[in-house]
Amino acid sequence: MLPLVFFLVFIVALLVLIPGLRERIVEGLKNLTDVWMIEFLRGTSRFGVDLTEEGRAEQRRWSAQRMRNLRGLALRAKRRYTGVQPKTEAD
């Protein structure tokens, strides 16, 4: 029991003394709890049970469109942040 207590005190001391490590661990814990919550909600909800095959296909198309839009937004933001301009047909 005593070695476990010393180990926990050591871990807490590291987290207090090294802010970067603390932030990474806290962000990792937040991401983990988010994933758990999403999986719990997906598992307990009955969303999509009453969809037809056509409805499921439409949901997949909308999901793919949202992902393309998000990738485009991320690319534009990255270009704006780094100052890289996209090449145009005139170049």
PDB file of N, CA and C in Angstrom:
ATOM      1  N   MET A   1       0.830  -1.202   0.000  1.00  0.00           N
ATOM      2  CA  MET A   1       0.000   0.000   0.000  1.00  0.00           C
ATOM      3  C   MET A   1       0.865   1.252   0.000  1.00  0.00           C
ATOM      4  N   LEU A   2       1.929   1.232   0.788  1.00  0.00           N
ATOM      5  CA  LEU A   2       2.800   2.400   0.885  1.00  0.00           C
ATOM      6  C   LEU A   2       3.480   2.724  -0.449  1.00  0.00           C
ATOM      7  N   PRO A   3       3.970   1.727  -1.211  1.00  0.00           N
ATOM      8  CA  PRO A   3       4.558   2.060  -2.517  1.00  0.00           C
ATOM      9  C   PRO A   3       3.547   2.705  -3.467  1.00  0.00           C
ATOM     10  N   LEU A   4       2.298   2.280  -3.400  1.00  0.00           N
ATOM     11  CA  LEU A   4       1.271   2.872  -4.246  1.00  0.00           C
ATOM     12  C   LEU A   4       1.065   4.341  -3.889  1.00  0.00           C
ATOM     13  N   VAL A   5       1.056   4.648  -2.612  1.00  0.00           N
ATOM     14  CA  VAL A   5       0.891   6.031  -2.164  1.00  0.00           C
ATOM     15  C   VAL A   5       2.057   6.879  -2.654  1.00  0.00           C
ATOM     16  N   PHE A   6       3.293   6.368  -2.524  1.00  0.00           N
ATOM     17  CA  PHE A   6       4.455   7.116  -3.009  1.00  0.00           C
ATOM     18  C   PHE A   6       4.390   7.327  -4.517  1.00  0.00           C
ATOM     19  N   PHE A   7       3.943   6.313  -5.230  1.00  0.00           N
ATOM     20  CA  PHE A   7       3.808   6.432  -6.681  1.00  0.00           C
ATOM     21  C   PHE A   7       2.789   7.513  -7.042  1.00  0.00           C
ATOM     22  N   LEU A   8       1.653   7.523  -6.373  1.00  0.00           N
ATOM     23  CA  LEU A   8       0.632   8.534  -6.641  1.00  0.00           C
ATOM     24  C   LEU A   8       1.116   9.938  -6.299  1.00  0.00           C
ATOM     25  N   VAL A   9       1.845  10.072  -5.192  1.00  0.00           N
ATOM     26  CA  VAL A   9       2.414  11.379  -4.821  1.00  0.00           C
ATOM     27  C   VAL A   9       3.415  11.833  -5.876  1.00  0.00           C
ATOM     28  N   PHE A  10       4.216  10.907  -6.376  1.00  0.00           N
ATOM     29  CA  PHE A  10       5.188  11.220  -7.422  1.00  0.00           C
ATOM     30  C   PHE A  10       4.481  11.697  -8.695  1.00  0.00           C
ATOM     31  N   ILE A  11       3.437  11.024  -9.093  1.00  0.00           N
ATOM     32  CA  ILE A  11       2.680  11.408 -10.289  1.00  0.00           C
ATOM     33  C   ILE A  11       2.062  12.788 -10.111  1.00  0.00           C
ATOM     34  N   VAL A  12       1.464  13.040  -8.958  1.00  0.00           N
ATOM     35  CA  VAL A  12       0.859  14.349  -8.689  1.00  0.00           C
ATOM     36  C   VAL A  12       1.924  15.435  -8.715  1.00  0.00           C
ATOM     37  N   ALA A  13       3.107  15.162  -8.138  1.00  0.00           N
ATOM     38  CA  ALA A  13       4.194  16.148  -8.152  1.00  0.00           C
ATOM     39  C   ALA A  13       4.625  16.456  -9.578  1.00  0.00           C
ATOM     40  N   LEU A  14       4.722  15.432 -10.428  1.00  0.00           N
ATOM     41  CA  LEU A  14       5.072  15.664 -11.829  1.00  0.00           C
ATOM     42  C   LEU A  14       4.027  16.531 -12.528  1.00  0.00           C
ATOM     43  N   LEU A  15       2.770  16.251 -12.268  1.00  0.00           N
ATOM     44  CA  LEU A  15       1.707  17.022 -12.908  1.00  0.00           C
ATOM     45  C   LEU A  15       1.712  18.470 -12.449  1.00  0.00           C
ATOM     46  N   VAL A  16       2.061  18.704 -11.208  1.00  0.00           N
ATOM     47  CA  VAL A  16       2.098  20.076 -10.692  1.00  0.00           C
ATOM     48  C   VAL A  16       3.309  20.819 -11.238  1.00  0.00           C
ATOM     49  N   LEU A  17       4.445  20.142 -11.340  1.00  0.00           N
ATOM     50  CA  LEU A  17       5.687  20.803 -11.731  1.00  0.00           C
ATOM     51  C   LEU A  17       5.852  20.968 -13.235  1.00  0.00           C
ATOM     52  N   ILE A  18       5.197  20.145 -14.034  1.00  0.00           N
ATOM     53  CA  ILE A  18       5.367  20.207 -15.486  1.00  0.00           C
ATOM     54  C   ILE A  18       4.014  20.553 -16.120  1.00  0.00           C
ATOM     55  N   PRO A  19       3.796  21.848 -16.419  1.00  0.00           N
ATOM     56  CA  PRO A  19       2.488  22.265 -16.956  1.00  0.00           C
ATOM     57  C   PRO A  19       2.145  21.617 -18.293  1.00  0.00           C
ATOM     58  N   GLY A  20       3.112  21.438 -19.175  1.00  0.00           N
ATOM     59  CA  GLY A  20       2.834  20.834 -20.481  1.00  0.00           C
ATOM     60  C   GLY A  20       2.318  19.416 -20.342  1.00  0.00           C
ATOM     61  N   LEU A  21       2.905  18.665 -19.424  1.00  0.00           N
ATOM     62  CA  LEU A  21       2.459  17.302 -19.173  1.00  0.00           C
ATOM     63  C   LEU A  21       1.048  17.303 -18.603  1.00  0.00           C
ATOM     64  N   ARG A  22       0.804  18.230 -17.702  1.00  0.00           N
ATOM     65  CA  ARG A  22      -0.525  18.334 -17.093  1.00  0.00           C
ATOM     66  C   ARG A  22      -1.578  18.625 -18.155  1.00  0.00           C
ATOM     67  N   GLU A  23      -1.274  19.566 -19.045  1.00  0.00           N
ATOM     68  CA  GLU A  23      -2.241  19.925 -20.086  1.00  0.00           C
ATOM     69  C   GLU A  23      -2.516  18.754 -21.021  1.00  0.00           C
ATOM     70  N   ARG A  24      -1.455  18.017 -21.391  1.00  0.00           N
ATOM     71  CA  ARG A  24      -1.652  16.870 -22.276  1.00  0.00           C
ATOM     72  C   ARG A  24      -2.494  15.793 -21.617  1.00  0.00           C
ATOM     73  N   ILE A  25      -2.245  15.559 -20.348  1.00  0.00           N
ATOM     74  CA  ILE A  25      -3.004  14.526 -19.643  1.00  0.00           C
ATOM     75  C   ILE A  25      -4.464  14.942 -19.495  1.00  0.00           C
ATOM     76  N   VAL A  26      -4.693  16.207 -19.153  1.00  0.00           N
ATOM     77  CA  VAL A  26      -6.072  16.684 -19.000  1.00  0.00           C
ATOM     78  C   VAL A  26      -6.805  16.628 -20.339  1.00  0.00           C
ATOM     79  N   GLU A  27      -6.147  17.040 -21.416  1.00  0.00           N
ATOM     80  CA  GLU A  27      -6.775  16.972 -22.740  1.00  0.00           C
ATOM     81  C   GLU A  27      -7.061  15.530 -23.136  1.00  0.00           C
ATOM     82  N   GLY A  28      -6.128  14.636 -22.827  1.00  0.00           N
ATOM     83  CA  GLY A  28      -6.351  13.221 -23.117  1.00  0.00           C
ATOM     84  C   GLY A  28      -7.537  12.664 -22.344  1.00  0.00           C
ATOM     85  N   LEU A  29      -7.660  13.043 -21.077  1.00  0.00           N
ATOM     86  CA  LEU A  29      -8.801  12.603 -20.275  1.00  0.00           C
ATOM     87  C   LEU A  29     -10.113  13.159 -20.811  1.00  0.00           C
ATOM     88  N   LYS A  30     -10.089  14.427 -21.233  1.00  0.00           N
ATOM     89  CA  LYS A  30     -11.308  15.014 -21.802  1.00  0.00           C
ATOM     90  C   LYS A  30     -11.706  14.297 -23.085  1.00  0.00           C
ATOM     91  N   ASN A  31     -10.728  13.997 -23.938  1.00  0.00           N
ATOM     92  CA  ASN A  31     -11.021  13.272 -25.176  1.00  0.00           C
ATOM     93  C   ASN A  31     -11.567  11.881 -24.875  1.00  0.00           C
ATOM     94  N   LEU A  32     -10.976  11.208 -23.895  1.00  0.00           N
ATOM     95  CA  LEU A  32     -11.432   9.875 -23.532  1.00  0.00           C
ATOM     96  C   LEU A  32     -12.866   9.902 -23.013  1.00  0.00           C
ATOM     97  N   THR A  33     -13.187  10.850 -22.152  1.00  0.00           N
ATOM     98  CA  THR A  33     -14.550  10.922 -21.630  1.00  0.00           C
ATOM     99  C   THR A  33     -15.534  11.305 -22.733  1.00  0.00           C
ATOM    100  N   ASP A  34     -15.106  12.137 -23.685  1.00  0.00           N
ATOM    101  CA  ASP A  34     -15.971  12.474 -24.817  1.00  0.00           C
ATOM    102  C   ASP A  34     -16.294  11.228 -25.636  1.00  0.00           C
ATOM    103  N   VAL A  35     -15.276  10.417 -25.905  1.00  0.00           N
ATOM    104  CA  VAL A  35     -15.489   9.190 -26.670  1.00  0.00           C
ATOM    105  C   VAL A  35     -16.424   8.256 -25.913  1.00  0.00           C
ATOM    106  N   TRP A  36     -16.201   8.109 -24.612  1.00  0.00           N
ATOM    107  CA  TRP A  36     -17.081   7.251 -23.803  1.00  0.00           C
ATOM    108  C   TRP A  36     -18.519   7.746 -23.842  1.00  0.00           C
ATOM    109  N   MET A  37     -18.703   9.066 -23.725  1.00  0.00           N
ATOM    110  CA  MET A  37     -20.055   9.627 -23.722  1.00  0.00           C
ATOM    111  C   MET A  37     -20.732   9.405 -25.079  1.00  0.00           C
ATOM    112  N   ILE A  38     -19.992   9.610 -26.161  1.00  0.00           N
ATOM    113  CA  ILE A  38     -20.561   9.407 -27.495  1.00  0.00           C
ATOM    114  C   ILE A  38     -20.948   7.941 -27.692  1.00  0.00           C
ATOM    115  N   GLU A  39     -20.074   7.038 -27.283  1.00  0.00           N
ATOM    116  CA  GLU A  39     -20.390   5.610 -27.421  1.00  0.00           C
ATOM    117  C   GLU A  39     -21.592   5.229 -26.557  1.00  0.00           C
ATOM    118  N   PHE A  40     -21.682   5.786 -25.362  1.00  0.00           N
ATOM    119  CA  PHE A  40     -22.828   5.513 -24.494  1.00  0.00           C
ATOM    120  C   PHE A  40     -24.122   6.002 -25.141  1.00  0.00           C
ATOM    121  N   LEU A  41     -24.088   7.232 -25.660  1.00  0.00           N
ATOM    122  CA  LEU A  41     -25.287   7.788 -26.282  1.00  0.00           C
ATOM    123  C   LEU A  41     -25.686   7.013 -27.539  1.00  0.00           C
ATOM    124  N   ARG A  42     -24.697   6.612 -28.322  1.00  0.00           N
ATOM    125  CA  ARG A  42     -25.011   5.820 -29.513  1.00  0.00           C
ATOM    126  C   ARG A  42     -25.585   4.465 -29.131  1.00  0.00           C
ATOM    127  N   GLY A  43     -25.045   3.883 -28.090  1.00  0.00           N
ATOM    128  CA  GLY A  43     -25.507   2.562 -27.675  1.00  0.00           C
ATOM    129  C   GLY A  43     -26.891   2.568 -27.057  1.00  0.00           C
ATOM    130  N   THR A  44     -27.245   3.650 -26.392  1.00  0.00           N
ATOM    131  CA  THR A  44     -28.531   3.689 -25.697  1.00  0.00           C
ATOM    132  C   THR A  44     -29.628   4.365 -26.505  1.00  0.00           C
ATOM    133  N   SER A  45     -29.261   5.102 -27.537  1.00  0.00           N
ATOM    134  CA  SER A  45     -30.307   5.758 -28.337  1.00  0.00           C
ATOM    135  C   SER A  45     -30.795   4.793 -29.409  1.00  0.00           C
ATOM    136  N   ARG A  46     -31.962   5.039 -29.891  1.00  0.00           N
ATOM    137  CA  ARG A  46     -32.513   4.215 -30.960  1.00  0.00           C
ATOM    138  C   ARG A  46     -32.564   5.017 -32.257  1.00  0.00           C
ATOM    139  N   PHE A  47     -31.660   5.991 -32.391  1.00  0.00           N
ATOM    140  CA  PHE A  47     -31.631   6.825 -33.575  1.00  0.00           C
ATOM    141  C   PHE A  47     -31.324   5.982 -34.804  1.00  0.00           C
ATOM    142  N   GLY A  48     -32.107   6.141 -35.820  1.00  0.00           N
ATOM    143  CA  GLY A  48     -31.880   5.461 -37.076  1.00  0.00           C
ATOM    144  C   GLY A  48     -32.513   4.098 -37.190  1.00  0.00           C
ATOM    145  N   VAL A  49     -33.154   3.632 -36.124  1.00  0.00           N
ATOM    146  CA  VAL A  49     -33.780   2.311 -36.163  1.00  0.00           C
ATOM    147  C   VAL A  49     -34.925   2.292 -37.171  1.00  0.00           C
ATOM    148  N   ASP A  50     -35.645   3.388 -37.257  1.00  0.00           N
ATOM    149  CA  ASP A  50     -36.816   3.419 -38.131  1.00  0.00           C
ATOM    150  C   ASP A  50     -36.495   3.905 -39.547  1.00  0.00           C
ATOM    151  N   LEU A  51     -35.210   4.128 -39.875  1.00  0.00           N
ATOM    152  CA  LEU A  51     -34.845   4.578 -41.210  1.00  0.00           C
ATOM    153  C   LEU A  51     -34.970   3.449 -42.221  1.00  0.00           C
ATOM    154  N   THR A  52     -35.394   3.827 -43.418  1.00  0.00           N
ATOM    155  CA  THR A  52     -35.404   2.869 -44.518  1.00  0.00           C
ATOM    156  C   THR A  52     -33.991   2.798 -45.098  1.00  0.00           C
ATOM    157  N   GLU A  53     -33.780   1.870 -46.019  1.00  0.00           N
ATOM    158  CA  GLU A  53     -32.464   1.765 -46.650  1.00  0.00           C
ATOM    159  C   GLU A  53     -32.139   3.037 -47.429  1.00  0.00           C
ATOM    160  N   GLU A  54     -33.147   3.625 -48.053  1.00  0.00           N
ATOM    161  CA  GLU A  54     -32.951   4.884 -48.773  1.00  0.00           C
ATOM    162  C   GLU A  54     -32.567   6.004 -47.800  1.00  0.00           C
ATOM    163  N   GLY A  55     -33.194   6.026 -46.637  1.00  0.00           N
ATOM    164  CA  GLY A  55     -32.879   7.026 -45.624  1.00  0.00           C
ATOM    165  C   GLY A  55     -31.459   6.877 -45.098  1.00  0.00           C
ATOM    166  N   ARG A  56     -31.028   5.629 -44.906  1.00  0.00           N
ATOM    167  CA  ARG A  56     -29.645   5.389 -44.450  1.00  0.00           C
ATOM    168  C   ARG A  56     -28.643   5.860 -45.503  1.00  0.00           C
ATOM    169  N   ALA A  57     -28.950   5.600 -46.778  1.00  0.00           N
ATOM    170  CA  ALA A  57     -28.062   6.038 -47.854  1.00  0.00           C
ATOM    171  C   ALA A  57     -27.980   7.563 -47.880  1.00  0.00           C
ATOM    172  N   GLU A  58     -29.108   8.224 -47.675  1.00  0.00           N
ATOM    173  CA  GLU A  58     -29.110   9.685 -47.643  1.00  0.00           C
ATOM    174  C   GLU A  58     -28.297  10.208 -46.457  1.00  0.00           C
ATOM    175  N   GLN A  59     -28.425   9.568 -45.308  1.00  0.00           N
ATOM    176  CA  GLN A  59     -27.632   9.964 -44.142  1.00  0.00           C
ATOM    177  C   GLN A  59     -26.138   9.816 -44.417  1.00  0.00           C
ATOM    178  N   ARG A  60     -25.744   8.742 -45.092  1.00  0.00           N
ATOM    179  CA  ARG A  60     -24.328   8.547 -45.436  1.00  0.00           C
ATOM    180  C   ARG A  60     -23.847   9.624 -46.398  1.00  0.00           C
ATOM    181  N   ARG A  61     -24.702   9.989 -47.383  1.00  0.00           N
ATOM    182  CA  ARG A  61     -24.320  11.049 -48.332  1.00  0.00           C
ATOM    183  C   ARG A  61     -24.136  12.378 -47.614  1.00  0.00           C
ATOM    184  N   TRP A  62     -25.062  12.718 -46.712  1.00  0.00           N
ATOM    185  CA  TRP A  62     -24.946  13.968 -45.959  1.00  0.00           C
ATOM    186  C   TRP A  62     -23.701  13.967 -45.074  1.00  0.00           C
ATOM    187  N   SER A  63     -23.404  12.830 -44.473  1.00  0.00           N
ATOM    188  CA  SER A  63     -22.215  12.717 -43.631  1.00  0.00           C
ATOM    189  C   SER A  63     -20.947  12.924 -44.453  1.00  0.00           C
ATOM    190  N   ALA A  64     -20.897  12.311 -45.638  1.00  0.00           N
ATOM    191  CA  ALA A  64     -19.741  12.479 -46.515  1.00  0.00           C
ATOM    192  C   ALA A  64     -19.604  13.930 -46.952  1.00  0.00           C
ATOM    193  N   GLN A  65     -20.723  14.588 -47.244  1.00  0.00           N
ATOM    194  CA  GLN A  65     -20.690  15.996 -47.641  1.00  0.00           C
ATOM    195  C   GLN A  65     -20.169  16.867 -46.494  1.00  0.00           C
ATOM    196  N   ARG A  66     -20.628  16.596 -45.274  1.00  0.00           N
ATOM    197  CA  ARG A  66     -20.132  17.366 -44.109  1.00  0.00           C
ATOM    198  C   ARG A  66     -18.632  17.183 -43.931  1.00  0.00           C
ATOM    199  N   MET A  67     -18.139  15.961 -44.105  1.00  0.00           N
ATOM    200  CA  MET A  67     -16.699  15.719 -43.960  1.00  0.00           C
ATOM    201  C   MET A  67     -15.905  16.448 -45.040  1.00  0.00           C
ATOM    202  N   ARG A  68     -16.409  16.458 -46.272  1.00  0.00           N
ATOM    203  CA  ARG A  68     -15.724  17.207 -47.339  1.00  0.00           C
ATOM    204  C   ARG A  68     -15.699  18.689 -47.005  1.00  0.00           C
ATOM    205  N   ASN A  69     -16.815  19.223 -46.508  1.00  0.00           N
ATOM    206  CA  ASN A  69     -16.866  20.633 -46.141  1.00  0.00           C
ATOM    207  C   ASN A  69     -15.877  20.952 -45.023  1.00  0.00           C
ATOM    208  N   LEU A  70     -15.811  20.072 -44.025  1.00  0.00           N
ATOM    209  CA  LEU A  70     -14.878  20.297 -42.916  1.00  0.00           C
ATOM    210  C   LEU A  70     -13.430  20.238 -43.381  1.00  0.00           C
ATOM    211  N   ARG A  71     -13.121  19.295 -44.273  1.00  0.00           N
ATOM    212  CA  ARG A  71     -11.750  19.216 -44.797  1.00  0.00           C
ATOM    213  C   ARG A  71     -11.404  20.479 -45.584  1.00  0.00           C
ATOM    214  N   GLY A  72     -12.350  20.969 -46.375  1.00  0.00           N
ATOM    215  CA  GLY A  72     -12.110  22.200 -47.128  1.00  0.00           C
ATOM    216  C   GLY A  72     -11.901  23.391 -46.213  1.00  0.00           C
ATOM    217  N   LEU A  73     -12.711  23.492 -45.167  1.00  0.00           N
ATOM    218  CA  LEU A  73     -12.536  24.579 -44.207  1.00  0.00           C
ATOM    219  C   LEU A  73     -11.189  24.488 -43.509  1.00  0.00           C
ATOM    220  N   ALA A  74     -10.784  23.278 -43.133  1.00  0.00           N
ATOM    221  CA  ALA A  74      -9.494  23.096 -42.465  1.00  0.00           C
ATOM    222  C   ALA A  74      -8.353  23.474 -43.400  1.00  0.00           C
ATOM    223  N   LEU A  75      -8.464  23.104 -44.665  1.00  0.00           N
ATOM    224  CA  LEU A  75      -7.424  23.435 -45.635  1.00  0.00           C
ATOM    225  C   LEU A  75      -7.336  24.943 -45.833  1.00  0.00           C
ATOM    226  N   ARG A  76      -8.484  25.602 -45.972  1.00  0.00           N
ATOM    227  CA  ARG A  76      -8.464  27.062 -46.133  1.00  0.00           C
ATOM    228  C   ARG A  76      -7.910  27.748 -44.893  1.00  0.00           C
ATOM    229  N   ALA A  77      -8.270  27.271 -43.719  1.00  0.00           N
ATOM    230  CA  ALA A  77      -7.755  27.878 -42.485  1.00  0.00           C
ATOM    231  C   ALA A  77      -6.243  27.689 -42.383  1.00  0.00           C
ATOM    232  N   LYS A  78      -5.771  26.507 -42.764  1.00  0.00           N
ATOM    233  CA  LYS A  78      -4.331  26.246 -42.713  1.00  0.00           C
ATOM    234  C   LYS A  78      -3.591  27.153 -43.681  1.00  0.00           C
ATOM    235  N   ARG A  79      -4.139  27.310 -44.872  1.00  0.00           N
ATOM    236  CA  ARG A  79      -3.505  28.196 -45.845  1.00  0.00           C
ATOM    237  C   ARG A  79      -3.504  29.639 -45.352  1.00  0.00           C
ATOM    238  N   ARG A  80      -4.591  30.061 -44.756  1.00  0.00           N
ATOM    239  CA  ARG A  80      -4.675  31.428 -44.250  1.00  0.00           C
ATOM    240  C   ARG A  80      -3.691  31.625 -43.097  1.00  0.00           C
ATOM    241  N   TYR A  81      -3.572  30.630 -42.231  1.00  0.00           N
ATOM    242  CA  TYR A  81      -2.699  30.732 -41.066  1.00  0.00           C
ATOM    243  C   TYR A  81      -1.236  30.725 -41.470  1.00  0.00           C
ATOM    244  N   THR A  82      -0.865  29.864 -42.435  1.00  0.00           N
ATOM    245  CA  THR A  82       0.533  29.768 -42.842  1.00  0.00           C
ATOM    246  C   THR A  82       0.896  30.779 -43.914  1.00  0.00           C
ATOM    247  N   GLY A  83      -0.102  31.419 -44.498  1.00  0.00           N
ATOM    248  CA  GLY A  83       0.169  32.426 -45.515  1.00  0.00           C
ATOM    249  C   GLY A  83       0.397  31.844 -46.898  1.00  0.00           C
ATOM    250  N   VAL A  84       0.165  30.573 -47.090  1.00  0.00           N
ATOM    251  CA  VAL A  84       0.336  29.930 -48.394  1.00  0.00           C
ATOM    252  C   VAL A  84      -0.918  30.175 -49.211  1.00  0.00           C
ATOM    253  N   GLN A  85      -0.740  30.704 -50.402  1.00  0.00           N
ATOM    254  CA  GLN A  85      -1.873  30.984 -51.274  1.00  0.00           C
ATOM    255  C   GLN A  85      -2.075  29.812 -52.221  1.00  0.00           C
ATOM    256  N   PRO A  86      -3.315  29.429 -52.477  1.00  0.00           N
ATOM    257  CA  PRO A  86      -3.574  28.333 -53.417  1.00  0.00           C
ATOM    258  C   PRO A  86      -3.213  28.755 -54.840  1.00  0.00           C
ATOM    259  N   LYS A  87      -2.770  27.791 -55.623  1.00  0.00           N
ATOM    260  CA  LYS A  87      -2.450  28.076 -57.033  1.00  0.00           C
ATOM    261  C   LYS A  87      -3.732  28.157 -57.824  1.00  0.00           C
ATOM    262  N   THR A  88      -3.803  29.131 -58.713  1.00  0.00           N
ATOM    263  CA  THR A  88      -4.973  29.304 -59.557  1.00  0.00           C
ATOM    264  C   THR A  88      -4.635  28.872 -60.976  1.00  0.00           C
ATOM    265  N   GLU A  89      -5.630  28.854 -61.822  1.00  0.00           N
ATOM    266  CA  GLU A  89      -5.439  28.458 -63.212  1.00  0.00           C
ATOM    267  C   GLU A  89      -4.529  29.449 -63.960  1.00  0.00           C
ATOM    268  N   ALA A  90      -4.535  30.718 -63.527  1.00  0.00           N
ATOM    269  CA  ALA A  90      -3.753  31.741 -64.212  1.00  0.00           C
ATOM    270  C   ALA A  90      -2.255  31.622 -63.911  1.00  0.00           C
ATOM    271  N   ASP A  91      -1.902  30.967 -62.806  1.00  0.00           N
ATOM    272  CA  ASP A  91      -0.494  30.869 -62.401  1.00  0.00           C
ATOM    273  C   ASP A  91       0.285  29.971 -63.286  1.00  0.00           C
TER     274      ASP A  91
END
